[in-house]
């Protein structure tokens, strides 16, 4: 069987890209595969040179397979699915980002945006889209609440290298007495930047294509508040390419104030008292799957959960062929019991002797294994309290929909009962959307919570290996299998997950579930205390996690099931 695989090149790193590499490494044992990409032509993927997707029309093989999910880089696949059909390995039910990148009019709005929202989501999603756009227009006209103190006030996006974007309106308080102001800003051609002081316009400038614009004006005031208002905003070409739905006004490169003829800069990287909060489509992403172009035009599907299978069947009247195949995983645990000198310490031997005396096949708690993860904590550089305590990990980007707030509040409750509990949030922080570090301070969790920030794959595995168990919550859900859950299971760690949608289908033997309801924090806190107190239960979860990964999620089995499914399909669309 000859298969055309449509995917992204290795240089475009992503979670689905990692999945595809592991999957293809096994799948190519069963079929002859040609790889087609939009960018990165000529790169090697599992030893196969990637071809330009423009050549897909000449492919005369048996099957076309797309590795597709909610990623901006997958936007190029939409017209291909519509034109050629084929089998979609659908990694997410919600394709919001992918759709916004494929159809830039969704970000621009107007009649074309509303029409596209209807085509991609039907009447219900079109109404949500329309309401979001109307709310955005109202918010842009209203005066935002301003903090009584601080410099960077409302309407600023996160700092970037060399400056900071404003929204349509942004406010900044200039400290002390000011007699002159000057700033340098960049804006797309056709936009106008106006600067107001106490609602009176002080200066304005129109942007030319690709050029910075300076502004300088005089005033006499104590701690004045400036409003930067941008007119003529349209989504830029770069935003359309990347599916960026933010309202970007002007990119302020520098802002200086003068007092007594001495100029001093304003720190544009300072924390904003109120982040840019103009409603955007991003807020509604979980209610806007925008997946009709994919779901309606694909000939068949490989999905990771029965939840997604049911959603596809409900959206289609013709019951396309669908197979449910577990998300793959490769065992990454070490033989924790093996020491460099081949010997267990006396504590480990004592535990084995006690188990033997009781007639157990193996110790209920392997102290050698416990010692190994503590060695890993020391190697990573954790403080003594983390090394000696019970360590909980949560892996992946620290985002609101990962229910990190619920985790932190439950952790605060549990730690009052079990001070030995410690938590590591292992992943990139996104404070513009959810400020985890601020909540840690508010809950007075101090040194008991460590936020690593972004880590590479290998260091992430070491953190998961160092942990005693993992918490990977979700809600709302994109309908995609949680990479954090499967990363934790692949390290042989038990997991607490949200009892919602696709995660509800994970085996109870290695994944404990918490419903995302009013009792979520209390129930999660009780589970944290329970697992902290019970090394035996943690050991049972770990043993079940290893069995699940080895027997159900092995990449060889995942690839073989996909091949067998493809082999039984009718001839592909020509």
Protein backbone atom coordinates (compact mmCIF):
# COMPACT_ATOMS: atom_id res chain seq x y z
CA UNK A 1 0.00 0.00 0.00
CA UNK A 2 1.34 3.43 -0.99
CA UNK A 3 0.40 6.27 1.33
CA UNK A 4 0.79 10.03 0.98
CA UNK A 5 1.32 11.57 4.43
CA UNK A 6 0.48 15.28 4.65
CA UNK A 7 2.09 16.87 7.68
CA UNK A 8 4.52 19.57 8.79
CA UNK A 9 8.28 19.38 8.38
CA UNK A 10 10.56 18.48 11.30
CA UNK A 11 11.73 22.10 11.59
CA UNK A 12 8.18 23.14 12.55
CA UNK A 13 8.26 21.70 16.05
CA UNK A 14 4.92 20.96 17.71
CA UNK A 15 3.15 18.33 19.78
CA UNK A 16 1.46 16.83 16.72
CA UNK A 17 4.80 16.93 14.93
CA UNK A 18 6.32 14.85 17.73
CA UNK A 19 3.39 12.42 17.47
CA UNK A 20 3.84 12.15 13.70
CA UNK A 21 7.54 11.30 13.96
CA UNK A 22 6.92 8.50 16.45
CA UNK A 23 3.91 7.23 14.47
CA UNK A 24 5.67 7.31 11.10
CA UNK A 25 8.71 5.50 12.43
CA UNK A 26 6.46 2.46 13.00
CA UNK A 27 3.88 2.98 10.25
CA UNK A 28 6.47 2.89 7.45
CA UNK A 29 7.16 -0.73 8.40
CA UNK A 30 3.72 -1.57 6.97
CA UNK A 31 3.38 0.75 3.97
CA UNK A 32 5.36 2.70 1.41
CA UNK A 33 5.09 6.34 2.47
CA UNK A 34 5.69 9.65 0.70
CA UNK A 35 5.70 12.77 2.88
CA UNK A 36 4.22 16.08 1.66
CA UNK A 37 4.72 19.42 3.44
CA UNK A 38 4.01 23.08 2.82
CA UNK A 39 7.30 24.37 4.26
CA UNK A 40 10.60 22.62 4.86
CA UNK A 41 10.69 20.75 1.54
CA UNK A 42 13.68 18.43 1.36
CA UNK A 43 14.00 17.90 5.10
CA UNK A 44 14.25 14.33 6.33
CA UNK A 45 11.35 12.91 8.33
CA UNK A 46 12.15 9.42 9.64
CA UNK A 47 14.59 9.02 6.76
CA UNK A 48 12.09 10.17 4.11
CA UNK A 49 12.74 13.34 2.13
CA UNK A 50 9.75 15.68 2.29
CA UNK A 51 8.10 16.73 -0.96
CA UNK A 52 6.20 19.95 -1.79
CA UNK A 53 2.50 19.68 -1.21
CA UNK A 54 1.97 21.11 -4.69
CA UNK A 55 2.94 17.65 -6.02
CA UNK A 56 0.11 15.93 -4.14
CA UNK A 57 -2.13 16.25 -7.21
CA UNK A 58 0.20 13.86 -9.07
CA UNK A 59 0.24 11.24 -6.31
CA UNK A 60 -1.21 8.02 -7.74
CA UNK A 61 -0.98 5.82 -4.64
CA UNK A 62 -3.64 4.19 -2.51
CA UNK A 63 -4.25 6.53 0.44
CA UNK A 64 -3.83 10.14 1.55
CA UNK A 65 -3.43 10.64 5.31
CA UNK A 66 -3.38 13.98 7.12
CA UNK A 67 -1.95 14.49 10.60
CA UNK A 68 -4.18 17.42 11.53
CA UNK A 69 -5.07 19.30 14.69
CA UNK A 70 -5.56 22.74 16.16
CA UNK A 71 -2.28 24.20 14.98
CA UNK A 72 -1.74 27.32 12.89
CA UNK A 73 0.75 25.49 10.67
CA UNK A 74 -1.99 23.05 9.61
CA UNK A 75 -4.05 25.72 7.84
CA UNK A 76 -2.71 24.64 4.43
CA UNK A 77 -4.40 21.25 4.80
CA UNK A 78 -7.96 22.59 4.67
CA UNK A 79 -8.17 23.09 0.87
CA UNK A 80 -6.37 19.78 0.34
CA UNK A 81 -8.95 17.86 2.37
CA UNK A 82 -11.72 19.58 0.42
CA UNK A 83 -10.10 18.81 -2.93
CA UNK A 84 -8.61 15.35 -2.47
CA UNK A 85 -10.45 13.89 0.51
CA UNK A 86 -8.58 11.15 2.34
CA UNK A 87 -8.16 10.03 5.95
CA UNK A 88 -7.70 12.64 8.66
CA UNK A 89 -5.93 11.66 11.86
CA UNK A 90 -7.90 14.22 13.87
CA UNK A 91 -6.02 15.28 16.99
CA UNK A 92 -8.56 17.90 18.18
CA UNK A 93 -12.27 18.46 17.82
CA UNK A 94 -11.83 22.22 18.28
CA UNK A 95 -9.91 23.58 15.26
CA UNK A 96 -10.24 27.27 16.15
CA UNK A 97 -6.60 28.29 15.55
CA UNK A 98 -6.30 26.20 12.43
CA UNK A 99 -9.48 27.73 10.98
CA UNK A 100 -8.54 31.34 11.79
CA UNK A 101 -5.21 30.79 10.03
CA UNK A 102 -6.92 29.11 7.05
CA UNK A 103 -9.62 31.79 6.80
CA UNK A 104 -8.17 35.22 7.75
CA UNK A 105 -11.59 36.85 7.35
CA UNK A 106 -12.54 35.31 10.70
CA UNK A 107 -10.00 37.60 12.37
CA UNK A 108 -10.95 40.64 10.27
CA UNK A 109 -14.67 40.43 10.91
CA UNK A 110 -17.14 42.21 8.67
CA UNK A 111 -19.58 40.47 6.36
CA UNK A 112 -16.95 38.02 5.08
CA UNK A 113 -16.00 37.02 8.62
CA UNK A 114 -19.60 36.45 9.68
CA UNK A 115 -20.30 34.41 6.54
CA UNK A 116 -17.22 32.26 7.12
CA UNK A 117 -18.22 31.71 10.75
CA UNK A 118 -21.57 30.39 9.51
CA UNK A 119 -19.92 28.11 6.95
CA UNK A 120 -17.40 26.71 9.42
CA UNK A 121 -19.66 26.41 12.45
CA UNK A 122 -23.31 26.70 11.45
CA UNK A 123 -25.90 29.05 12.89
CA UNK A 124 -25.07 28.54 16.57
CA UNK A 125 -21.38 29.31 16.14
CA UNK A 126 -22.15 32.22 13.81
CA UNK A 127 -24.29 33.77 16.54
CA UNK A 128 -21.49 33.35 19.11
CA UNK A 129 -19.10 34.94 16.62
CA UNK A 130 -21.43 37.89 16.01
CA UNK A 131 -21.91 38.47 19.74
CA UNK A 132 -18.15 38.40 20.30
CA UNK A 133 -17.54 40.97 17.57
CA UNK A 134 -20.25 43.25 18.96
CA UNK A 135 -18.80 43.01 22.47
CA UNK A 136 -15.37 43.87 21.09
CA UNK A 137 -16.72 47.02 19.42
CA UNK A 138 -18.46 48.12 22.62
CA UNK A 139 -15.34 47.52 24.71
CA UNK A 140 -13.18 49.54 22.34
CA UNK A 141 -15.46 52.54 22.76
CA UNK A 142 -15.79 52.34 26.56
CA UNK A 143 -13.31 53.81 29.04
CA UNK A 144 -11.56 50.98 30.92
CA UNK A 145 -11.13 51.11 34.70
CA UNK A 146 -7.71 52.48 35.61
CA UNK A 147 -5.62 51.57 38.64
CA UNK A 148 -4.85 54.40 41.08
CA UNK A 149 -1.19 53.46 41.07
CA UNK A 150 1.30 52.06 38.58
CA UNK A 151 2.79 53.16 35.28
CA UNK A 152 1.66 50.70 32.58
CA UNK A 153 -2.11 50.77 32.97
CA UNK A 154 -4.74 49.28 30.64
CA UNK A 155 -4.61 48.24 27.01
CA UNK A 156 -1.08 46.85 26.59
CA UNK A 157 -0.19 43.42 25.25
CA UNK A 158 2.75 41.46 26.63
CA UNK A 159 6.23 43.02 26.17
CA UNK A 160 8.21 41.83 23.18
CA UNK A 161 11.77 42.30 22.03
CA UNK A 162 12.26 45.98 21.26
CA UNK A 163 8.93 47.33 22.46
CA UNK A 164 5.30 46.60 23.20
CA UNK A 165 2.03 46.52 21.25
CA UNK A 166 -0.96 48.56 22.35
CA UNK A 167 -4.56 47.58 21.79
CA UNK A 168 -6.86 50.10 20.08
CA UNK A 169 -6.56 52.19 23.25
CA UNK A 170 -3.80 52.05 25.85
CA UNK A 171 -3.11 54.09 28.97
CA UNK A 172 0.13 54.94 30.73
CA UNK A 173 0.75 57.06 33.84
CA UNK A 174 3.88 59.20 33.66
CA UNK A 175 5.58 59.39 37.07
CA UNK A 176 6.36 62.71 38.72
CA UNK A 177 6.32 66.15 37.19
CA UNK A 178 6.48 66.18 33.40
CA UNK A 179 7.13 69.04 31.00
CA UNK A 180 7.65 67.13 27.73
CA UNK A 181 6.98 63.70 26.20
CA UNK A 182 8.46 61.92 23.23
CA UNK A 183 7.81 58.46 21.86
CA UNK A 184 8.70 56.36 18.86
CA UNK A 185 6.10 53.93 17.51
CA UNK A 186 5.51 51.69 14.52
CA UNK A 187 2.16 51.03 12.88
CA UNK A 188 0.79 49.51 9.71
CA UNK A 189 0.25 51.97 6.88
CA UNK A 190 -3.11 53.69 7.06
CA UNK A 191 -3.26 53.81 10.87
CA UNK A 192 -3.23 56.99 12.92
CA UNK A 193 -1.91 57.27 16.48
CA UNK A 194 -3.43 59.99 18.67
CA UNK A 195 -2.13 60.89 22.13
CA UNK A 196 -4.56 62.35 24.66
CA UNK A 197 -3.86 63.95 28.04
CA UNK A 198 -6.93 64.21 30.26
CA UNK A 199 -9.13 63.56 27.20
CA UNK A 200 -7.59 66.48 25.30
CA UNK A 201 -5.66 65.54 22.16
CA UNK A 202 -2.01 66.49 22.55
CA UNK A 203 -0.47 65.03 19.37
CA UNK A 204 -1.09 62.68 16.46
CA UNK A 205 0.79 60.99 13.64
CA UNK A 206 -0.16 58.86 10.65
CA UNK A 207 1.94 55.82 9.89
CA UNK A 208 3.55 55.21 6.54
CA UNK A 209 4.17 51.71 5.27
CA UNK A 210 6.92 50.01 7.25
CA UNK A 211 8.27 53.14 8.96
CA UNK A 212 8.61 54.30 12.56
CA UNK A 213 7.00 57.58 13.56
CA UNK A 214 8.28 59.93 16.29
CA UNK A 215 6.02 62.12 18.42
CA UNK A 216 7.15 64.92 20.75
CA UNK A 217 5.02 67.45 22.61
CA UNK A 218 5.12 69.71 25.65
CA UNK A 219 2.89 69.82 28.71
CA UNK A 220 3.07 70.82 32.36
CA UNK A 221 1.50 68.25 34.67
CA UNK A 222 2.07 66.07 37.72
CA UNK A 223 1.77 62.33 37.05
CA UNK A 224 -0.45 62.74 33.96
CA UNK A 225 -2.25 59.80 32.36
CA UNK A 226 -1.72 59.49 28.62
CA UNK A 227 -4.12 57.67 26.34
CA UNK A 228 -2.74 56.24 23.10
CA UNK A 229 -5.60 55.77 20.66
CA UNK A 230 -5.12 54.12 17.25
CA UNK A 231 -7.56 54.56 14.37
CA UNK A 232 -7.74 52.61 11.12
CA UNK A 233 -6.79 49.24 12.59
CA UNK A 234 -6.97 46.23 10.29
CA UNK A 235 -5.49 42.79 10.78
CA UNK A 236 -1.99 42.81 9.25
CA UNK A 237 -0.78 40.28 6.71
CA UNK A 238 1.46 38.75 9.38
CA UNK A 239 -1.51 38.36 11.73
CA UNK A 240 -3.48 36.65 9.00
CA UNK A 241 -0.63 34.25 8.30
CA UNK A 242 -0.33 33.32 11.98
CA UNK A 243 -3.99 33.42 12.98
CA UNK A 244 -3.37 36.20 15.51
CA UNK A 245 -6.78 37.54 16.55
CA UNK A 246 -5.49 40.25 18.90
CA UNK A 247 -6.30 43.90 18.25
CA UNK A 248 -2.86 45.42 17.61
CA UNK A 249 -2.74 49.20 17.51
CA UNK A 250 0.78 50.65 17.58
CA UNK A 251 4.10 49.06 18.50
CA UNK A 252 5.67 51.51 20.94
CA UNK A 253 9.44 51.21 20.74
CA UNK A 254 10.33 53.88 23.29
CA UNK A 255 8.66 56.40 25.59
CA UNK A 256 10.55 59.16 27.39
CA UNK A 257 9.58 62.07 29.61
CA UNK A 258 11.41 65.26 30.43
CA UNK A 259 11.53 67.14 33.72
CA UNK A 260 13.85 70.15 34.18
CA UNK A 261 15.39 69.42 30.77
CA UNK A 262 16.48 65.92 31.77
CA UNK A 263 15.05 63.03 29.77
CA UNK A 264 14.37 59.66 31.35
CA UNK A 265 12.87 56.50 29.78
CA UNK A 266 9.67 54.75 30.84
CA UNK A 267 10.10 51.01 31.34
CA UNK A 268 7.72 49.54 28.78
CA UNK A 269 8.40 46.01 30.01
CA UNK A 270 6.88 46.71 33.43
CA UNK A 271 3.89 44.66 34.53
CA UNK A 272 0.59 46.04 33.26
CA UNK A 273 -1.90 46.87 35.98
CA UNK A 274 -4.68 45.72 33.65
CA UNK A 275 -3.75 43.60 30.62
CA UNK A 276 -5.24 44.30 27.21
CA UNK A 277 -8.73 42.98 27.84
CA UNK A 278 -10.66 43.92 24.73
CA UNK A 279 -12.77 40.83 24.03
CA UNK A 280 -11.33 38.75 21.22
CA UNK A 281 -12.37 35.54 19.51
CA UNK A 282 -9.77 33.73 21.62
CA UNK A 283 -12.10 33.98 24.59
CA UNK A 284 -14.70 31.94 22.73
CA UNK A 285 -12.36 29.37 21.20
CA UNK A 286 -13.87 26.41 23.04
CA UNK A 287 -17.34 27.32 21.77
CA UNK A 288 -16.11 27.85 18.21
CA UNK A 289 -14.73 24.53 16.89
CA UNK A 290 -14.82 25.91 13.31
CA UNK A 291 -14.17 22.44 11.91
CA UNK A 292 -16.81 21.94 9.22
CA UNK A 293 -14.39 22.14 6.28
CA UNK A 294 -12.47 19.21 7.75
CA UNK A 295 -15.27 17.16 9.25
CA UNK A 296 -17.53 17.47 6.21
CA UNK A 297 -14.95 16.75 3.49
CA UNK A 298 -12.70 14.03 4.88
CA UNK A 299 -13.56 10.51 3.71
CA UNK A 300 -12.55 8.76 6.94
CA UNK A 301 -11.02 9.47 10.34
CA UNK A 302 -8.59 8.14 12.90
CA UNK A 303 -9.39 9.62 16.34
CA UNK A 304 -8.07 9.13 19.87
CA UNK A 305 -11.37 8.95 21.77
CA UNK A 306 -14.92 7.77 21.44
CA UNK A 307 -15.94 11.29 22.43
CA UNK A 308 -14.60 12.68 19.13
CA UNK A 309 -15.98 9.73 17.17
CA UNK A 310 -19.48 10.51 18.43
CA UNK A 311 -19.11 14.20 17.60
CA UNK A 312 -18.13 13.40 14.01
CA UNK A 313 -21.04 11.01 13.54
CA UNK A 314 -23.44 13.61 14.94
CA UNK A 315 -22.13 16.18 12.45
CA UNK A 316 -22.33 13.87 9.41
CA UNK A 317 -25.34 12.13 7.92
CA UNK A 318 -23.35 9.52 5.97
CA UNK A 319 -21.52 7.79 8.88
CA UNK A 320 -17.95 7.90 7.50
CA UNK A 321 -15.51 5.14 8.52
CA UNK A 322 -13.89 6.00 11.88
CA UNK A 323 -11.48 4.09 14.06
CA UNK A 324 -10.58 4.97 17.65
CA UNK A 325 -6.87 4.46 18.34
CA UNK A 326 -5.19 5.44 21.59
CA UNK A 327 -2.73 8.29 21.54
CA UNK A 328 0.66 6.61 21.31
CA UNK A 329 3.32 6.63 24.01
CA UNK A 330 6.80 5.24 24.39
CA UNK A 331 8.06 4.05 27.78
CA UNK A 332 10.52 6.61 29.11
CA UNK A 333 10.86 5.33 32.63
CA UNK A 334 14.21 4.06 33.77
CA UNK A 335 14.78 0.85 35.67
CA UNK A 336 14.53 2.84 38.88
CA UNK A 337 15.76 -0.03 40.98
CA UNK A 338 19.11 -0.26 39.16
CA UNK A 339 21.94 1.60 40.84
CA UNK A 340 25.27 2.50 39.31
CA UNK A 341 27.02 -0.02 41.55
CA UNK A 342 24.33 -2.63 41.00
CA UNK A 343 23.49 -2.65 44.70
CA UNK A 344 20.46 -1.46 46.67
CA UNK A 345 21.10 0.29 49.93
CA UNK A 346 20.31 -1.41 53.23
CA UNK A 347 16.92 0.28 53.46
CA UNK A 348 15.93 -1.17 50.11
CA UNK A 349 17.14 -4.63 51.05
CA UNK A 350 15.21 -4.44 54.32
CA UNK A 351 12.04 -3.57 52.42
CA UNK A 352 12.59 -6.57 50.13
CA UNK A 353 13.14 -8.89 53.09
CA UNK A 354 9.92 -7.69 54.74
CA UNK A 355 8.02 -8.24 51.50
CA UNK A 356 9.52 -11.71 51.14
CA UNK A 357 8.57 -12.62 54.69
CA UNK A 358 4.99 -11.57 53.92
CA UNK A 359 4.96 -13.71 50.81
CA UNK A 360 4.68 -10.78 48.40
CA UNK A 361 6.04 -11.17 44.89
CA UNK A 362 7.65 -7.74 45.18
CA UNK A 363 7.77 -4.95 47.74
CA UNK A 364 4.56 -2.92 47.93
CA UNK A 365 6.73 0.20 47.91
CA UNK A 366 10.13 -0.03 46.23
CA UNK A 367 12.36 2.22 48.32
CA UNK A 368 15.14 1.94 45.75
CA UNK A 369 12.80 3.43 43.17
CA UNK A 370 11.83 6.14 45.65
CA UNK A 371 15.49 6.94 46.25
CA UNK A 372 16.17 7.23 42.52
CA UNK A 373 13.58 9.95 41.97
CA UNK A 374 15.04 11.87 44.91
CA UNK A 375 18.45 11.63 43.25
CA UNK A 376 16.84 13.16 40.16
CA UNK A 377 15.46 16.01 42.26
CA UNK A 378 18.92 16.75 43.60
CA UNK A 379 20.40 16.61 40.09
CA UNK A 380 17.82 19.11 38.81
CA UNK A 381 18.75 21.41 41.69
CA UNK A 382 15.59 21.29 43.79
CA UNK A 383 15.77 22.62 47.35
CA UNK A 384 15.88 20.17 50.25
CA UNK A 385 12.17 20.55 51.01
CA UNK A 386 11.30 19.36 47.46
CA UNK A 387 13.77 16.50 47.63
CA UNK A 388 12.40 15.13 50.89
CA UNK A 389 8.72 15.90 50.35
CA UNK A 390 5.92 14.50 48.22
CA UNK A 391 6.27 16.11 44.79
CA UNK A 392 3.30 16.71 42.50
CA UNK A 393 3.96 17.71 38.89
CA UNK A 394 1.79 19.32 36.22
CA UNK A 395 3.26 19.35 32.72
CA UNK A 396 2.54 21.68 29.80
CA UNK A 397 1.83 25.33 29.11
CA UNK A 398 0.39 26.99 32.21
CA UNK A 399 -2.98 28.10 30.81
CA UNK A 400 -6.36 28.88 32.30
CA UNK A 401 -8.13 26.03 30.49
CA UNK A 402 -5.69 23.59 32.12
CA UNK A 403 -7.55 24.54 35.34
CA UNK A 404 -4.33 25.55 37.06
CA UNK A 405 -6.30 27.89 39.32
CA UNK A 406 -8.31 24.92 40.63
CA UNK A 407 -5.09 22.97 41.12
CA UNK A 408 -3.42 25.79 43.06
CA UNK A 409 -6.45 26.37 45.29
CA UNK A 410 -6.76 22.64 46.00
CA UNK A 411 -3.05 22.44 46.67
CA UNK A 412 -3.31 25.29 49.17
CA UNK A 413 -6.06 23.41 51.04
CA UNK A 414 -4.16 20.11 50.97
CA UNK A 415 -0.90 21.64 52.11
CA UNK A 416 -2.48 22.98 55.27
CA UNK A 417 -2.97 19.33 56.22
CA UNK A 418 0.21 17.95 54.63
CA UNK A 419 3.08 20.48 54.68
CA UNK A 420 5.31 17.92 52.96
CA UNK A 421 3.39 18.43 49.68
CA UNK A 422 5.21 20.37 46.95
CA UNK A 423 4.11 21.27 43.43
CA UNK A 424 6.04 21.89 40.21
CA UNK A 425 4.32 23.59 37.26
CA UNK A 426 6.53 22.38 34.41
CA UNK A 427 5.92 24.49 31.32
CA UNK A 428 5.86 27.94 29.80
CA UNK A 429 3.99 30.65 31.69
CA UNK A 430 1.48 32.86 29.89
CA UNK A 431 0.79 35.66 32.39
CA UNK A 432 -1.12 37.77 29.89
CA UNK A 433 -3.90 35.18 29.97
CA UNK A 434 -3.38 33.55 33.38
CA UNK A 435 -0.90 34.82 35.97
CA UNK A 436 -0.05 31.67 37.93
CA UNK A 437 2.78 33.28 39.88
CA UNK A 438 0.50 36.03 41.13
CA UNK A 439 -2.03 33.46 42.36
CA UNK A 440 0.78 31.55 44.11
CA UNK A 441 1.60 34.75 46.01
CA UNK A 442 -2.05 35.47 46.80
CA UNK A 443 -2.50 31.97 48.24
CA UNK A 444 0.71 32.39 50.28
CA UNK A 445 2.15 29.18 48.83
CA UNK A 446 5.63 30.66 48.69
CA UNK A 447 8.43 28.15 48.23
CA UNK A 448 6.09 25.14 48.08
CA UNK A 449 5.31 25.80 44.38
CA UNK A 450 7.98 26.00 41.70
CA UNK A 451 7.25 27.34 38.19
CA UNK A 452 9.95 26.13 35.81
CA UNK A 453 8.98 28.18 32.77
CA UNK A 454 9.65 26.61 29.38
CA UNK A 455 11.81 23.48 29.46
CA UNK A 456 13.02 21.27 26.65
CA UNK A 457 11.67 17.75 26.20
CA UNK A 458 14.48 15.99 28.03
CA UNK A 459 14.37 18.26 31.09
CA UNK A 460 10.57 17.96 31.14
CA UNK A 461 10.92 14.18 31.37
CA UNK A 462 13.36 14.52 34.25
CA UNK A 463 10.86 16.68 36.14
CA UNK A 464 8.09 14.14 35.57
CA UNK A 465 10.40 11.32 36.63
CA UNK A 466 11.25 13.25 39.80
CA UNK A 467 7.57 13.57 40.75
CA UNK A 468 5.51 11.16 42.83
CA UNK A 469 2.39 11.66 40.71
CA UNK A 470 0.97 14.16 38.22
CA UNK A 471 -2.12 16.37 38.01
CA UNK A 472 -3.27 17.18 34.45
CA UNK A 473 -6.62 18.98 34.44
CA UNK A 474 -8.62 20.36 31.52
CA UNK A 475 -11.79 22.25 30.97
CA UNK A 476 -13.11 23.43 28.65
CA UNK A 477 -11.71 20.73 26.42
CA UNK A 478 -10.54 20.89 22.82
CA UNK A 479 -11.50 17.24 22.39
CA UNK A 480 -7.86 16.26 21.96
CA UNK A 481 -5.88 13.79 24.03
CA UNK A 482 -3.84 15.57 26.69
CA UNK A 483 -0.15 15.50 25.89
CA UNK A 484 0.56 16.13 29.57
CA UNK A 485 -1.39 13.03 30.61
CA UNK A 486 0.41 10.78 28.14
CA UNK A 487 3.80 12.30 28.91
CA UNK A 488 3.21 11.55 32.60
CA UNK A 489 2.02 8.01 31.88
CA UNK A 490 5.03 7.42 29.63
CA UNK A 491 7.22 8.17 32.67
CA UNK A 492 5.26 5.55 34.62
CA UNK A 493 3.50 8.06 36.85
CA UNK A 494 -0.07 7.92 38.08
CA UNK A 495 -2.24 10.86 37.07
CA UNK A 496 -5.18 12.87 38.40
CA UNK A 497 -7.20 14.20 35.45
CA UNK A 498 -10.50 15.94 34.81
CA UNK A 499 -13.55 13.70 34.43
CA UNK A 500 -14.57 15.40 31.18
CA UNK A 501 -15.04 14.39 27.55
CA UNK A 502 -12.09 12.38 26.19
CA UNK A 503 -10.25 12.23 29.53
CA UNK A 504 -13.17 10.33 31.07
CA UNK A 505 -12.23 7.39 28.86
CA UNK A 506 -8.73 6.98 30.32
CA UNK A 507 -8.34 3.83 32.46
CA UNK A 508 -9.27 4.25 36.12
CA UNK A 509 -6.44 1.96 37.16
CA UNK A 510 -3.82 4.62 36.41
CA UNK A 511 -5.85 7.85 36.06
CA UNK A 512 -7.97 9.16 38.93
CA UNK A 513 -10.76 11.52 37.88
CA UNK A 514 -12.13 14.77 39.34
CA UNK A 515 -15.31 16.35 38.01
CA UNK A 516 -15.04 20.06 37.08
CA UNK A 517 -17.98 21.08 39.27
CA UNK A 518 -18.54 23.16 42.40
CA UNK A 519 -16.79 20.51 44.53
CA UNK A 520 -13.73 20.26 42.28
CA UNK A 521 -11.30 22.04 44.63
CA UNK A 522 -12.40 20.13 47.72
CA UNK A 523 -12.36 16.75 45.95
CA UNK A 524 -8.99 17.42 44.37
CA UNK A 525 -7.55 18.48 47.74
CA UNK A 526 -8.71 15.21 49.27
CA UNK A 527 -7.04 13.23 46.47
CA UNK A 528 -3.78 15.12 46.94
CA UNK A 529 -3.78 14.31 50.66
CA UNK A 530 -4.74 10.68 49.99
CA UNK A 531 -1.93 10.08 47.52
CA UNK A 532 0.54 11.94 49.70
CA UNK A 533 -0.33 9.58 52.57
CA UNK A 534 -0.33 6.37 50.51
CA UNK A 535 2.88 5.29 48.77
CA UNK A 536 1.12 1.95 48.21
CA UNK A 537 -1.64 3.54 46.12
CA UNK A 538 0.92 5.55 44.18
CA UNK A 539 2.81 2.33 43.46
CA UNK A 540 -0.39 0.65 42.18
CA UNK A 541 -1.10 3.62 39.90
CA UNK A 542 2.45 3.50 38.57
CA UNK A 543 2.28 -0.22 37.83
CA UNK A 544 -1.02 0.28 35.99
CA UNK A 545 0.41 3.24 34.06
CA UNK A 546 3.27 1.08 32.83
CA UNK A 547 0.92 -1.71 31.76
CA UNK A 548 -1.32 0.74 29.90
CA UNK A 549 1.60 2.32 28.04
CA UNK A 550 3.23 -1.02 27.16
CA UNK A 551 0.08 -2.91 26.14
CA UNK A 552 -2.33 -0.27 24.79
CA UNK A 553 -0.29 2.74 23.69
CA UNK A 554 2.81 1.20 22.14
CA UNK A 555 3.61 2.99 18.88
CA UNK A 556 3.91 -0.33 17.07
CA UNK A 557 0.32 -1.22 18.00
CA UNK A 558 -0.99 2.29 17.25
CA UNK A 559 0.60 2.30 13.78
CA UNK A 560 -0.55 -1.24 13.02
CA UNK A 561 -4.18 -0.41 13.87
CA UNK A 562 -4.06 2.63 11.62
CA UNK A 563 -2.60 0.53 8.77
CA UNK A 564 -5.25 -2.18 9.17
CA UNK A 565 -7.98 0.47 9.11
CA UNK A 566 -6.59 2.10 5.96
CA UNK A 567 -6.22 -1.27 4.25
CA UNK A 568 -9.94 -2.02 4.63
CA UNK A 569 -11.17 1.31 3.23
CA UNK A 570 -12.70 1.54 -0.24
CA UNK A 571 -10.55 3.00 -3.06
CA UNK A 572 -9.66 6.63 -2.49
CA UNK A 573 -11.31 9.55 -4.23
CA UNK A 574 -9.73 10.36 -7.61
